[in-house]
Amino acid sequence: MAMVEQRVSRRAWPPLLHRVVKAVRARGLFEPGHHLLVAVSGGPDSVALLTLLHRLVPRWRLRLTAVHFNYGLRGRESDGDQAFVMSLCEALQVPLRSVPLDVRTRPQRISLQVQARDVRYRAMAKLAEDVGADRIVVGHTADDQAETIVFRMLRGAGITGLAGMPAQRDGMIIRPLYEVRRREVLEFLGTMGQAYRLDSSNAKPIYARNRIRHQLLPVLNQIVPGAVDALCRLGDLCREDDRYLEDQTIMLCASLVQPDGAEGYSLDRLRLQAQPLALQRRVLREVFRRMHPIRRASSLAAVEAVRRLLSPHRGGATHCIGGVHIRVTENALLMQPAQAVALPQEPKAGLERRSVQIPSVIEWTGTGQRIRVQEGAREAVRQLSASQEWVMIVDADLLSYPLHLRSWRPGDRFAPGGMKGRSKKLQDYFVDLKVPAAQRRRIPILDSPQGIVGVLGFRPDGRFQVSARTRRYLAISLEKVSVTKGAH
């Protein structure tokens, strides 16, 4: 690969570089003399980004450091990407940091893609600090923005989600190609004769984003020419509205939310209840975010479950929602990270409460059962059903988290499948099945912030049953059922 000349007149700049410089100046993304840490995967967007920034080095007195992450998920292809980026940086005389990352082990309910993104951004932040970079530069284009907005729209996102990705985040992460179309990137690379790599996983239809990119967006562009530009404009409009609402939320939190202990918060329950619904949700989401280790926003289901606790007749109750322990008093909601709260000891022997990870195997001492919890595709869970004595299969996307296994409590209700959504006291259900009273507290119950998911060894709650629309299946199986059932 030929070395790029160090002194290039502005007249020799390609048109795309002029556009990027205009966006950088208009949005204040970086300044002359800055040290930029550039993420380079080897794909067309990041290769074009590094090449364009390299052209700016003499005139803007920039200092560049490239970083490449190798997840090792695609074997030789991943190694080939790394070798290509090393060769490119050597030709451009740009220092490179190659960083291996392990994303195979991840928390419950976190997808591989989300885990890779979180680990990558944390690693870039640390590396930027180590090398003294002023900005972290990533290569997202206008097409990436449109795909993000459509993806979030289909998941029912609000204004915050529809704002998409900002051109600048936290004053550190910047996207100079934010207004550039992917076809312009490819045209630039073709004109420059610059090679790049293609990630084979980007063509696999198993990922929703790929289906949006290859199937949905082309149709949208046929129906509405310029759909990508319109979606990006929607993102900009939503971002301005979101910024205003966030400012209002922060001001509201200053008066309604007070620190409670080292990690928790106390919320003025009555004053929060008097706020507009939109601000109630945003305040609760902000509190959830403050308590999350990496400030990730909570799910709408968790926010709504907490918001319902604002109603007048909820005093004295305790709940665990979205990984947060909540105690309701007459005038306040007291919120603490669940791991910081010692669970009270049950007064009677035989009562248990266990956190459920996915996947996991849990020994349930009450009945001597081994409980397996795993997520899988349709065929996998069908095979599991055929091989186990008792299996409960539910729609993973209908659940809210975290999940717990616990014993029966007085007042428990659930809606057994087949009852058309009608709920029933669990005590009455046991009586109908002639389950001995002494054994009822030993039976494992799968619980979520939405209520009982299923009575293991017996029946699931009908709210979470699978259907033709189910995409992800959660299977809970018992190695044996040792509780005596009466005749049905």
Protein backbone atom coordinates (compact mmCIF):
# COMPACT_ATOMS: atom_id res chain seq x y z
CA MET A 1 0.00 0.00 0.00
CA ALA A 2 1.49 3.33 -1.05
CA MET A 3 2.38 5.84 1.62
CA VAL A 4 0.12 8.87 1.79
CA GLU A 5 1.92 12.18 1.25
CA GLN A 6 2.32 14.28 4.37
CA ARG A 7 1.59 17.67 2.78
CA VAL A 8 -1.62 17.90 0.80
CA SER A 9 -3.11 21.18 -0.37
CA ARG A 10 -6.74 21.83 0.43
CA ARG A 11 -7.53 21.91 -3.30
CA ALA A 12 -6.50 18.25 -3.46
CA TRP A 13 -9.02 17.28 -0.80
CA PRO A 14 -11.69 14.88 -2.04
CA PRO A 15 -15.29 16.22 -1.86
CA LEU A 16 -16.12 13.89 1.01
CA LEU A 17 -13.37 15.39 3.14
CA HIS A 18 -14.79 18.89 2.60
CA ARG A 19 -18.19 17.63 3.83
CA VAL A 20 -16.65 16.01 6.90
CA VAL A 21 -14.71 19.15 7.79
CA LYS A 22 -17.87 21.22 7.43
CA ALA A 23 -19.73 18.88 9.82
CA VAL A 24 -16.82 18.88 12.29
CA ARG A 25 -16.79 22.67 12.42
CA ALA A 26 -20.57 23.07 12.54
CA ARG A 27 -20.97 20.60 15.41
CA GLY A 28 -17.69 21.38 17.18
CA LEU A 29 -16.59 17.75 17.11
CA PHE A 30 -12.85 18.38 17.49
CA GLU A 31 -10.31 21.16 17.10
CA PRO A 32 -6.86 21.58 15.49
CA GLY A 33 -4.16 20.07 17.66
CA HIS A 34 -6.40 17.41 19.18
CA HIS A 35 -5.32 13.83 19.81
CA LEU A 36 -7.95 11.48 18.33
CA LEU A 37 -8.42 7.81 19.23
CA VAL A 38 -9.95 6.25 16.10
CA ALA A 39 -11.84 2.95 16.26
CA VAL A 40 -10.94 0.88 13.18
CA SER A 41 -12.63 -2.46 12.53
CA GLY A 42 -11.34 -2.80 8.98
CA GLY A 43 -14.80 -2.28 7.46
CA PRO A 44 -15.47 0.42 4.85
CA ASP A 45 -16.78 3.06 7.26
CA SER A 46 -13.88 2.94 9.71
CA VAL A 47 -11.26 2.63 6.94
CA ALA A 48 -12.70 5.70 5.19
CA LEU A 49 -12.80 7.53 8.53
CA LEU A 50 -9.13 6.85 9.31
CA THR A 51 -8.09 7.73 5.75
CA LEU A 52 -9.98 11.04 5.83
CA LEU A 53 -8.64 12.03 9.24
CA HIS A 54 -5.13 11.16 8.10
CA ARG A 55 -5.53 13.66 5.26
CA LEU A 56 -6.26 16.32 7.90
CA VAL A 57 -3.18 15.61 10.02
CA PRO A 58 -0.82 18.22 8.46
CA ARG A 59 -3.30 21.08 8.19
CA TRP A 60 -5.08 20.51 11.52
CA ARG A 61 -1.96 19.33 13.41
CA LEU A 62 -3.85 16.25 14.54
CA ARG A 63 -2.38 13.32 16.40
CA LEU A 64 -4.00 9.98 15.60
CA THR A 65 -4.01 6.70 17.48
CA ALA A 66 -6.00 3.78 16.05
CA VAL A 67 -7.58 0.99 18.09
CA HIS A 68 -8.80 -2.36 16.78
CA PHE A 69 -10.81 -4.85 18.83
CA ASN A 70 -10.62 -8.57 18.12
CA TYR A 71 -13.51 -10.51 19.70
CA GLY A 72 -12.34 -13.80 18.20
CA LEU A 73 -15.93 -14.68 17.28
CA ARG A 74 -15.26 -15.32 13.58
CA GLY A 75 -12.01 -17.28 13.85
CA ARG A 76 -9.68 -16.70 10.91
CA GLU A 77 -11.86 -13.91 9.59
CA SER A 78 -11.35 -11.94 12.82
CA ASP A 79 -7.60 -12.52 12.63
CA GLY A 80 -7.66 -11.39 9.00
CA ASP A 81 -9.39 -8.16 9.99
CA GLN A 82 -6.70 -7.48 12.58
CA ALA A 83 -3.88 -8.17 10.11
CA PHE A 84 -5.49 -5.84 7.56
CA VAL A 85 -5.83 -2.99 10.09
CA MET A 86 -2.20 -3.48 11.18
CA SER A 87 -1.08 -3.19 7.55
CA LEU A 88 -3.23 -0.10 6.94
CA CYS A 89 -1.95 1.70 10.04
CA GLU A 90 1.62 0.81 9.19
CA ALA A 91 1.17 2.32 5.71
CA LEU A 92 -0.36 5.49 7.16
CA GLN A 93 2.20 5.60 9.99
CA VAL A 94 -0.59 5.72 12.57
CA PRO A 95 0.10 4.06 15.94
CA LEU A 96 -2.23 1.11 16.53
CA ARG A 97 -3.47 -0.59 19.68
CA SER A 98 -4.88 -4.08 19.02
CA VAL A 99 -7.05 -5.18 21.93
CA PRO A 100 -8.54 -8.69 22.38
CA LEU A 101 -11.97 -8.67 24.02
CA ASP A 102 -13.99 -11.54 25.45
CA VAL A 103 -17.74 -11.04 25.09
CA ARG A 104 -18.88 -14.65 25.36
CA THR A 105 -19.61 -14.33 29.08
CA ARG A 106 -22.32 -11.75 29.58
CA PRO A 107 -25.01 -10.80 32.12
CA GLN A 108 -28.54 -12.17 32.04
CA ARG A 109 -30.71 -10.83 29.22
CA ILE A 110 -27.85 -9.02 27.47
CA SER A 111 -27.40 -9.92 23.79
CA LEU A 112 -24.00 -10.60 22.27
CA GLN A 113 -24.22 -7.40 20.21
CA VAL A 114 -25.08 -5.23 23.23
CA GLN A 115 -22.37 -6.87 25.32
CA ALA A 116 -19.78 -6.30 22.57
CA ARG A 117 -20.78 -2.63 22.33
CA ASP A 118 -20.63 -2.06 26.09
CA VAL A 119 -17.27 -3.78 26.47
CA ARG A 120 -15.90 -1.93 23.43
CA TYR A 121 -16.89 1.52 24.66
CA ARG A 122 -15.55 0.86 28.15
CA ALA A 123 -12.26 -0.31 26.65
CA MET A 124 -12.07 2.77 24.39
CA ALA A 125 -12.71 5.10 27.34
CA LYS A 126 -9.90 3.50 29.34
CA LEU A 127 -7.53 3.53 26.38
CA ALA A 128 -8.34 7.19 25.62
CA GLU A 129 -7.37 8.02 29.19
CA ASP A 130 -4.18 5.95 28.94
CA VAL A 131 -2.96 7.61 25.71
CA GLY A 132 -4.26 11.08 26.55
CA ALA A 133 -6.73 11.31 23.66
CA ASP A 134 -9.05 14.32 23.47
CA ARG A 135 -11.78 12.46 21.55
CA ILE A 136 -12.87 8.92 20.67
CA VAL A 137 -13.85 8.77 16.98
CA VAL A 138 -16.23 6.15 15.57
CA GLY A 139 -17.41 5.66 11.99
CA HIS A 140 -21.21 5.59 12.16
CA THR A 141 -22.88 6.98 9.03
CA ALA A 142 -26.33 8.39 8.24
CA ASP A 143 -27.40 4.87 7.20
CA ASP A 144 -26.39 3.53 10.63
CA GLN A 145 -28.46 6.29 12.21
CA ALA A 146 -31.53 5.43 10.10
CA GLU A 147 -31.19 1.73 10.94
CA THR A 148 -30.93 2.53 14.64
CA ILE A 149 -34.04 4.72 14.59
CA VAL A 150 -36.11 2.14 12.67
CA PHE A 151 -34.93 -0.65 15.00
CA ARG A 152 -35.93 1.34 18.08
CA MET A 153 -39.19 2.45 16.50
CA LEU A 154 -40.18 -1.17 15.92
CA ARG A 155 -39.46 -1.91 19.58
CA GLY A 156 -41.79 0.88 20.69
CA ALA A 157 -39.16 3.39 21.81
CA GLY A 158 -40.05 6.85 23.06
CA ILE A 159 -38.46 10.17 22.16
CA THR A 160 -35.12 9.26 23.73
CA GLY A 161 -34.81 6.12 21.62
CA LEU A 162 -36.02 7.80 18.44
CA ALA A 163 -33.31 10.43 18.84
CA GLY A 164 -30.89 7.75 17.69
CA MET A 165 -27.15 8.34 18.03
CA PRO A 166 -25.85 11.87 18.68
CA ALA A 167 -23.01 13.31 16.63
CA GLN A 168 -21.24 13.91 19.95
CA ARG A 169 -21.80 12.09 23.22
CA ASP A 170 -20.56 13.18 26.63
CA GLY A 171 -18.16 15.59 24.94
CA MET A 172 -15.87 12.64 24.14
CA ILE A 173 -17.32 10.22 21.57
CA ILE A 174 -17.74 11.79 18.14
CA ARG A 175 -19.13 10.67 14.76
CA PRO A 176 -17.66 12.77 11.90
CA LEU A 177 -19.45 10.64 9.24
CA TYR A 178 -22.80 11.31 10.93
CA GLU A 179 -24.26 13.07 7.84
CA VAL A 180 -22.56 10.88 5.22
CA ARG A 181 -24.39 8.10 3.35
CA ARG A 182 -22.84 4.65 3.10
CA ARG A 183 -22.81 4.82 -0.69
CA GLU A 184 -20.66 7.99 -0.47
CA VAL A 185 -18.17 6.11 1.70
CA LEU A 186 -17.94 3.29 -0.85
CA GLU A 187 -17.55 5.75 -3.73
CA PHE A 188 -14.74 7.52 -1.87
CA LEU A 189 -12.90 4.26 -1.18
CA GLY A 190 -13.34 3.20 -4.81
CA THR A 191 -11.94 6.48 -6.08
CA MET A 192 -8.99 6.24 -3.70
CA GLY A 193 -8.37 2.60 -4.60
CA GLN A 194 -8.45 1.83 -0.90
CA ALA A 195 -9.20 -1.77 0.14
CA TYR A 196 -11.37 -2.70 3.11
CA ARG A 197 -12.78 -5.76 4.83
CA LEU A 198 -16.35 -7.10 4.93
CA ASP A 199 -17.75 -8.68 8.10
CA SER A 200 -19.65 -11.83 7.07
CA SER A 201 -21.94 -11.54 10.10
CA ASN A 202 -23.37 -8.29 8.67
CA ALA A 203 -25.03 -10.30 5.91
CA LYS A 204 -26.69 -12.88 8.16
CA PRO A 205 -30.48 -12.42 8.37
CA ILE A 206 -30.58 -13.83 11.91
CA TYR A 207 -29.89 -10.33 13.25
CA ALA A 208 -32.78 -7.85 13.21
CA ARG A 209 -30.51 -4.94 12.26
CA ASN A 210 -29.31 -6.82 9.19
CA ARG A 211 -32.88 -7.47 8.08
CA ILE A 212 -33.64 -3.77 8.52
CA ARG A 213 -30.56 -2.86 6.47
CA HIS A 214 -30.99 -5.33 3.62
CA GLN A 215 -34.77 -5.78 3.46
CA LEU A 216 -36.74 -3.01 5.17
CA LEU A 217 -34.82 0.17 4.34
CA PRO A 218 -34.66 -0.56 0.59
CA VAL A 219 -38.47 -0.90 0.61
CA LEU A 220 -38.84 2.34 2.57
CA ASN A 221 -36.63 4.12 0.06
CA GLN A 222 -38.82 2.84 -2.78
CA ILE A 223 -41.96 4.09 -1.05
CA VAL A 224 -40.44 7.39 0.10
CA PRO A 225 -37.29 8.43 -1.75
CA GLY A 226 -34.95 10.01 0.75
CA ALA A 227 -36.28 7.90 3.62
CA VAL A 228 -32.83 7.70 5.23
CA ASP A 229 -32.49 11.49 5.28
CA ALA A 230 -36.04 11.80 6.67
CA LEU A 231 -35.28 9.32 9.45
CA CYS A 232 -32.10 11.20 10.37
CA ARG A 233 -34.08 14.43 10.45
CA LEU A 234 -36.59 12.73 12.78
CA GLY A 235 -33.68 11.80 15.04
CA ASP A 236 -32.45 15.40 15.19
CA LEU A 237 -35.96 16.70 16.03
CA CYS A 238 -36.49 14.09 18.75
CA ARG A 239 -33.06 14.84 20.22
CA GLU A 240 -33.87 18.50 20.73
CA ASP A 241 -37.18 17.64 22.41
CA ASP A 242 -35.46 14.98 24.49
CA ARG A 243 -32.75 17.41 25.58
CA TYR A 244 -35.39 19.84 26.84
CA LEU A 245 -37.27 17.11 28.72
CA GLU A 246 -34.03 15.83 30.22
CA ASP A 247 -33.22 19.32 31.50
CA GLN A 248 -36.67 19.46 33.13
CA THR A 249 -36.10 15.99 34.60
CA ILE A 250 -32.76 16.92 36.16
CA MET A 251 -34.28 20.05 37.73
CA LEU A 252 -37.17 17.96 39.06
CA CYS A 253 -34.84 15.32 40.46
CA ALA A 254 -32.99 18.03 42.40
CA SER A 255 -36.13 18.67 44.44
CA LEU A 256 -37.83 15.24 44.47
CA VAL A 257 -34.91 12.80 44.70
CA GLN A 258 -32.49 12.69 47.63
CA PRO A 259 -29.61 10.29 48.34
CA ASP A 260 -30.56 7.57 50.81
CA GLY A 261 -27.55 5.69 52.09
CA ALA A 262 -24.44 5.02 50.06
CA GLU A 263 -26.14 3.79 46.88
CA GLY A 264 -29.88 4.41 47.20
CA TYR A 265 -32.36 7.22 46.77
CA SER A 266 -35.51 8.51 48.45
CA LEU A 267 -38.23 9.87 46.16
CA ASP A 268 -40.98 12.23 47.28
CA ARG A 269 -43.87 9.96 46.44
CA LEU A 270 -46.75 12.45 46.66
CA ARG A 271 -45.06 15.24 44.71
CA LEU A 272 -43.86 12.82 42.03
CA GLN A 273 -47.39 11.46 41.64
CA ALA A 274 -48.60 15.03 40.96
CA GLN A 275 -46.23 15.44 37.97
CA PRO A 276 -47.23 14.81 34.33
CA LEU A 277 -46.95 11.16 33.33
CA ALA A 278 -44.00 11.85 30.98
CA LEU A 279 -41.97 13.39 33.81
CA GLN A 280 -42.90 10.62 36.27
CA ARG A 281 -41.43 8.09 33.88
CA ARG A 282 -38.33 10.14 33.21
CA VAL A 283 -37.59 10.73 36.88
CA LEU A 284 -37.89 7.01 37.64
CA ARG A 285 -35.76 6.10 34.65
CA GLU A 286 -33.12 8.59 35.79
CA VAL A 287 -33.03 7.03 39.26
CA PHE A 288 -32.71 3.54 37.76
CA ARG A 289 -29.88 4.83 35.56
CA ARG A 290 -28.02 6.35 38.50
CA MET A 291 -28.07 3.00 40.31
CA HIS A 292 -26.94 0.92 37.32
CA PRO A 293 -23.20 0.09 37.24
CA ILE A 294 -22.82 1.50 33.69
CA ARG A 295 -25.82 3.86 33.83
CA ARG A 296 -27.95 1.77 31.48
CA ALA A 297 -31.58 2.84 31.22
CA SER A 298 -34.19 0.48 32.66
CA SER A 299 -36.97 -1.16 30.70
CA LEU A 300 -40.37 0.51 30.34
CA ALA A 301 -41.90 -2.48 32.16
CA ALA A 302 -39.72 -1.83 35.21
CA VAL A 303 -40.46 1.92 35.17
CA GLU A 304 -44.21 1.27 34.91
CA ALA A 305 -44.11 -1.28 37.71
CA VAL A 306 -42.49 1.30 40.00
CA ARG A 307 -44.79 4.09 38.83
CA ARG A 308 -47.82 2.06 39.91
CA LEU A 309 -46.42 2.12 43.44
CA LEU A 310 -47.09 5.88 43.56
CA SER A 311 -50.82 5.25 43.96
CA PRO A 312 -52.28 6.16 47.38
CA HIS A 313 -52.94 2.68 48.79
CA ARG A 314 -49.50 1.08 48.40
CA GLY A 315 -47.85 2.04 51.68
CA GLY A 316 -45.83 -0.50 53.65
CA ALA A 317 -45.06 -2.85 50.74
CA THR A 318 -41.61 -3.94 49.53
CA HIS A 319 -40.75 -4.98 46.00
CA CYS A 320 -37.80 -6.00 43.85
CA ILE A 321 -38.11 -4.51 40.36
CA GLY A 322 -35.44 -4.28 37.68
CA GLY A 323 -32.66 -5.20 40.09
CA VAL A 324 -33.78 -2.51 42.56
CA HIS A 325 -35.24 -3.10 46.04
CA ILE A 326 -38.12 -0.67 46.69
CA ARG A 327 -39.83 0.07 49.98
CA VAL A 328 -43.02 2.12 49.89
CA THR A 329 -43.75 4.42 52.82
CA GLU A 330 -46.57 6.89 53.33
CA ASN A 331 -44.65 9.76 51.70
CA ALA A 332 -41.68 8.20 49.90
CA LEU A 333 -40.30 5.50 47.65
CA LEU A 334 -37.02 4.19 49.06
CA MET A 335 -34.94 2.63 46.27
CA GLN A 336 -31.75 0.61 46.81
CA PRO A 337 -29.77 -1.67 44.47
CA ALA A 338 -31.01 -5.18 45.22
CA GLN A 339 -27.50 -6.49 45.89
CA ALA A 340 -27.07 -3.84 48.61
CA VAL A 341 -30.15 -5.00 50.52
CA ALA A 342 -30.02 -8.08 52.70
CA LEU A 343 -33.11 -10.14 52.08
CA PRO A 344 -35.07 -10.80 55.24
CA GLN A 345 -34.90 -14.30 56.61
CA GLU A 346 -38.15 -16.22 56.23
CA PRO A 347 -39.71 -17.00 59.59
CA LYS A 348 -40.49 -20.60 58.73
CA ALA A 349 -38.33 -23.42 57.51
CA GLY A 350 -38.74 -24.50 53.94
CA LEU A 351 -39.11 -20.98 52.41
CA GLU A 352 -36.61 -20.00 49.74
CA ARG A 353 -35.88 -17.12 47.37
CA ARG A 354 -33.23 -17.43 44.68
CA SER A 355 -32.09 -15.09 41.93
CA VAL A 356 -32.36 -16.68 38.46
CA GLN A 357 -29.70 -16.17 35.82
CA ILE A 358 -30.03 -17.30 32.19
CA PRO A 359 -28.76 -19.95 31.68
CA SER A 360 -28.51 -21.55 35.10
CA VAL A 361 -29.08 -24.75 37.09
CA ILE A 362 -30.60 -24.29 40.54
CA GLU A 363 -30.92 -26.87 43.28
CA TRP A 364 -34.30 -26.29 44.95
CA THR A 365 -33.94 -27.71 48.47
CA GLY A 366 -37.65 -27.49 49.26
CA THR A 367 -38.47 -30.38 46.93
CA GLY A 368 -35.03 -31.77 46.08
CA GLN A 369 -35.48 -30.74 42.44
CA ARG A 370 -32.87 -29.57 39.97
CA ILE A 371 -34.27 -26.64 37.95
CA ARG A 372 -32.71 -25.76 34.60
CA VAL A 373 -33.37 -22.37 33.02
CA GLN A 374 -32.23 -21.74 29.46
CA GLU A 375 -33.08 -19.70 26.43
CA GLY A 376 -33.29 -21.26 22.99
CA ALA A 377 -34.86 -21.46 19.57
CA ARG A 378 -38.09 -23.30 18.82
CA GLU A 379 -36.51 -26.64 17.82
CA ALA A 380 -34.17 -26.68 20.80
CA VAL A 381 -36.96 -26.25 23.33
CA ARG A 382 -39.11 -28.82 21.54
CA GLN A 383 -36.32 -31.37 21.92
CA LEU A 384 -35.99 -30.37 25.56
CA SER A 385 -39.71 -30.92 26.07
CA ALA A 386 -39.41 -34.43 24.71
CA SER A 387 -36.45 -35.31 26.93
CA GLN A 388 -37.64 -33.96 30.30
CA GLU A 389 -40.44 -35.08 32.58
CA TRP A 390 -41.80 -31.52 33.05
CA VAL A 391 -40.93 -28.39 31.08
CA MET A 392 -42.49 -24.94 31.09
CA ILE A 393 -41.86 -22.84 27.97
CA VAL A 394 -42.67 -19.13 27.91
CA ASP A 395 -42.10 -16.19 25.57
CA ALA A 396 -38.86 -14.56 26.75
CA ASP A 397 -39.79 -11.20 25.21
CA LEU A 398 -42.99 -10.95 27.25
CA LEU A 399 -41.13 -11.14 30.55
CA SER A 400 -39.60 -8.35 32.61
CA TYR A 401 -36.54 -8.97 34.74
CA PRO A 402 -34.94 -9.93 37.10
CA LEU A 403 -36.44 -13.38 37.63
CA HIS A 404 -36.55 -15.13 41.00
CA LEU A 405 -37.49 -18.54 42.29
CA ARG A 406 -39.38 -18.35 45.56
CA SER A 407 -41.83 -20.11 47.78
CA TRP A 408 -45.59 -19.57 47.95
CA ARG A 409 -46.83 -16.56 49.90
CA PRO A 410 -50.33 -15.91 51.23
CA GLY A 411 -52.28 -13.78 48.77
CA ASP A 412 -50.37 -15.02 45.70
CA ARG A 413 -52.45 -14.97 42.50
CA PHE A 414 -51.77 -16.08 38.94
CA ALA A 415 -53.68 -16.63 35.72
CA PRO A 416 -53.25 -20.31 34.77
CA GLY A 417 -53.05 -20.97 31.06
CA GLY A 418 -56.46 -21.83 29.65
CA MET A 419 -58.43 -19.54 31.97
CA LYS A 420 -58.60 -16.72 29.38
CA GLY A 421 -56.67 -14.29 31.56
CA ARG A 422 -58.76 -14.78 34.70
CA SER A 423 -56.63 -14.86 37.83
CA LYS A 424 -56.97 -17.24 40.72
CA LYS A 425 -55.61 -17.39 44.22
CA LEU A 426 -52.73 -19.83 44.33
CA GLN A 427 -54.09 -21.24 47.59
CA ASP A 428 -57.39 -22.09 45.86
CA TYR A 429 -55.47 -23.63 42.96
CA PHE A 430 -53.59 -25.91 45.37
CA VAL A 431 -56.83 -26.83 47.14
CA ASP A 432 -58.45 -27.77 43.81
CA LEU A 433 -55.48 -30.03 43.04
CA LYS A 434 -55.52 -31.48 46.56
CA VAL A 435 -51.89 -30.49 47.21
CA PRO A 436 -51.24 -31.14 50.92
CA ALA A 437 -50.95 -27.89 52.91
CA ALA A 438 -47.62 -28.97 54.40
CA GLN A 439 -46.08 -29.23 50.92
CA ARG A 440 -47.35 -26.00 49.35
CA ARG A 441 -44.54 -23.80 50.66
CA ARG A 442 -41.96 -26.17 49.19
CA ILE A 443 -43.15 -25.75 45.60
CA PRO A 444 -40.89 -23.48 43.48
CA ILE A 445 -42.58 -20.45 41.92
CA LEU A 446 -40.93 -18.48 39.12
CA ASP A 447 -41.54 -14.79 39.77
CA SER A 448 -40.89 -11.55 37.83
CA PRO A 449 -41.72 -7.86 38.40
CA GLN A 450 -44.98 -8.58 36.52
CA GLY A 451 -45.97 -11.29 38.98
CA ILE A 452 -45.92 -15.08 38.92
CA VAL A 453 -44.59 -16.56 35.67
CA GLY A 454 -45.40 -20.13 36.60
CA VAL A 455 -45.85 -22.68 39.37
CA LEU A 456 -43.10 -25.15 38.54
CA GLY A 457 -44.24 -28.69 38.24
CA PHE A 458 -47.81 -27.51 37.66
CA ARG A 459 -48.76 -24.71 35.19
CA PRO A 460 -47.41 -21.48 33.71
CA ASP A 461 -49.22 -18.15 33.84
CA GLY A 462 -51.14 -17.66 30.60
CA ARG A 463 -49.81 -14.11 30.10
CA PHE A 464 -46.44 -15.43 29.00
CA GLN A 465 -47.46 -18.32 26.78
CA VAL A 466 -45.76 -18.75 23.41
CA SER A 467 -47.51 -17.93 20.15
CA ALA A 468 -46.82 -17.71 16.43
CA ARG A 469 -45.14 -14.35 17.10
CA THR A 470 -42.68 -15.75 19.64
CA ARG A 471 -39.06 -15.30 18.61
CA ARG A 472 -37.20 -16.23 21.80
CA TYR A 473 -38.18 -19.07 24.09
CA LEU A 474 -37.36 -19.49 27.76
CA ALA A 475 -37.50 -23.09 28.98
CA ILE A 476 -37.65 -24.08 32.65
CA SER A 477 -37.33 -27.80 33.26
CA LEU A 478 -37.44 -30.02 36.35
CA GLU A 479 -35.26 -33.07 36.70
CA LYS A 480 -37.96 -34.66 38.82
CA VAL A 481 -41.23 -33.67 40.48
CA SER A 482 -41.38 -34.82 44.07
CA VAL A 483 -44.54 -32.99 45.18
CA THR A 484 -47.65 -35.13 45.40
CA LYS A 485 -50.54 -33.89 43.23
CA GLY A 486 -54.15 -34.84 43.70
CA ALA A 487 -56.39 -35.99 40.90
CA HIS A 488 -57.23 -33.36 38.31
